[in-house]
Protein backbone atom coordinates (compact mmCIF):
# COMPACT_ATOMS: atom_id res chain seq x y z
CA MET A 1 0.00 0.00 0.00
CA ASN A 2 1.22 3.48 -0.83
CA ASP A 3 -0.72 6.71 -0.06
CA GLY A 4 -4.01 4.88 0.35
CA VAL A 5 -3.62 2.85 -2.84
CA VAL A 6 -2.88 -0.87 -2.99
CA PHE A 7 -0.79 -2.20 -5.91
CA TRP A 8 -0.54 -5.86 -6.87
CA ALA A 9 0.39 -8.23 -9.67
CA ASP A 10 -2.28 -10.32 -11.36
CA GLY A 11 -0.73 -13.55 -12.59
CA THR A 12 -3.76 -14.43 -14.69
CA SER A 13 -3.53 -11.40 -16.94
CA ALA A 14 0.19 -10.67 -16.43
CA SER A 15 -0.62 -7.17 -15.26
CA VAL A 16 0.00 -4.69 -12.45
CA LEU A 17 -3.19 -3.30 -10.89
CA ALA A 18 -4.13 -0.66 -8.33
CA CYS A 19 -7.15 0.15 -6.18
CA SER A 20 -7.90 2.68 -3.47
CA VAL A 21 -8.14 1.16 0.00
CA THR A 22 -11.65 2.63 0.11
CA GLY A 23 -12.59 0.44 -2.85
CA CYS A 24 -12.80 0.53 -6.63
CA ASN A 25 -16.17 -1.16 -7.21
CA GLY A 26 -14.53 -4.32 -8.52
CA SER A 27 -12.76 -2.41 -11.30
CA PRO A 28 -9.12 -1.85 -10.36
CA THR A 29 -6.94 0.48 -12.42
CA THR A 30 -4.61 -1.32 -14.82
CA ILE A 31 -1.15 0.18 -14.37
CA ALA A 32 0.69 -2.04 -16.88
CA VAL A 33 0.14 -5.18 -18.92
CA LEU A 34 3.16 -7.26 -19.84
CA PRO A 35 3.54 -8.01 -23.55
CA PHE A 36 2.89 -11.46 -24.93
CA SER A 37 6.05 -13.20 -26.12
CA SER A 38 6.70 -16.31 -28.19
CA THR A 39 7.00 -18.30 -24.96
CA GLY A 40 3.81 -16.85 -23.47
CA ASN A 41 3.16 -13.98 -21.09
CA ASP A 42 5.86 -13.11 -18.63
CA PHE A 43 4.74 -12.64 -15.04
CA VAL A 44 5.43 -9.99 -12.43
CA THR A 45 7.64 -11.49 -9.74
CA ALA A 46 8.44 -8.39 -7.67
CA LEU A 47 6.81 -5.03 -7.07
CA ALA A 48 7.79 -1.78 -5.33
CA VAL A 49 6.11 1.63 -5.32
CA ASP A 50 7.31 5.14 -4.54
CA ALA A 51 5.54 8.51 -4.67
CA THR A 52 5.57 8.72 -8.48
CA ASP A 53 6.26 5.30 -10.02
CA VAL A 54 5.63 1.57 -9.81
CA TYR A 55 8.72 -0.61 -10.32
CA PHE A 56 8.28 -4.26 -11.12
CA GLY A 57 10.37 -7.24 -12.08
CA THR A 58 9.66 -10.24 -14.24
CA SER A 59 11.79 -13.33 -14.69
CA THR A 60 13.82 -11.38 -17.28
CA GLN A 61 13.34 -7.62 -16.77
CA VAL A 62 13.04 -4.71 -14.36
CA LEU A 63 10.48 -2.12 -15.52
CA ARG A 64 9.02 1.21 -14.41
CA CYS A 65 5.62 2.78 -14.96
CA PRO A 66 4.02 5.96 -13.59
CA ARG A 67 1.56 5.28 -10.75
CA GLY A 68 -1.28 6.45 -12.99
CA GLY A 69 -0.49 3.81 -15.59
CA CYS A 70 1.43 3.45 -18.83
CA PRO A 71 -0.91 2.37 -21.63
CA GLY A 72 1.95 2.77 -24.14
CA GLY A 73 4.05 0.25 -22.24
CA ALA A 74 6.39 0.26 -19.27
CA THR A 75 9.92 1.65 -19.41
CA LEU A 76 12.58 -1.06 -19.48
CA LEU A 77 15.27 -0.39 -16.87
CA CYS A 78 17.26 -3.61 -17.16
CA SER A 79 17.00 -6.88 -19.07
CA ALA A 80 17.80 -10.59 -18.89
CA ALA A 81 21.59 -10.61 -18.84
CA TYR A 82 21.58 -8.77 -15.50
CA VAL A 83 18.33 -9.74 -13.80
CA GLN A 84 17.79 -12.61 -11.37
CA GLY A 85 14.43 -14.20 -12.07
CA TYR A 86 11.96 -14.12 -9.19
CA GLN A 87 13.87 -11.29 -7.59
CA GLU A 88 12.88 -8.79 -5.00
CA ILE A 89 12.95 -5.07 -5.75
CA ALA A 90 13.83 -2.43 -3.18
CA LEU A 91 13.84 1.36 -3.49
CA ASP A 92 15.39 4.36 -1.85
CA ALA A 93 15.13 8.02 -2.83
CA ALA A 94 17.53 7.69 -5.76
CA HIS A 95 17.88 4.01 -6.72
CA VAL A 96 16.16 0.74 -7.63
CA TYR A 97 17.88 -2.36 -6.20
CA PHE A 98 17.61 -5.96 -7.43
CA LEU A 99 19.67 -9.17 -7.59
CA SER A 100 22.18 -9.94 -10.34
CA ALA A 101 21.42 -12.83 -12.72
CA ASP A 102 23.71 -15.16 -10.77
CA ALA A 103 22.32 -13.90 -7.43
CA THR A 104 25.78 -12.96 -6.16
CA GLN A 105 25.37 -9.18 -6.22
CA ILE A 106 22.82 -6.54 -5.35
CA LEU A 107 22.63 -4.20 -8.34
CA ALA A 108 21.42 -0.61 -8.33
CA LEU A 109 20.02 1.62 -11.05
CA ALA A 110 19.36 5.32 -10.76
CA LYS A 111 15.66 6.10 -10.79
C-alpha cells in the first residue's frame, strides 16, 4: 500500500493493478500489462512503489511505470543478462535495487 492505494500483480492477466483502500467497485486500475512473447506472457515477480512510479520485475526484466499507468508500455530499466528471475525489488530516494542474474550481487540503477 502506498498513499491509500494498494498495488498488486495479477498472474492471470500478467498485469499490475491498483485500487484505493476505500474500494474501486470491482474495477481496479490497470497500471501495466506485460507483452505477450513467443513463450507466453511473462509474469510480475516483484513489485515496489514510490511517490511517483511503480517498479516491477519479471523473470527477465526490471520495468518502471508511472503510478497512474502506462498504456503505451512500461519503461525497461534492465533486461535478462543482468536480472535474477523471481527477484525482489527495493527502493530508496535515488535508486532501484535488485539481484544480479547469478544472485551474487545486489545491483542498483538510478531512478
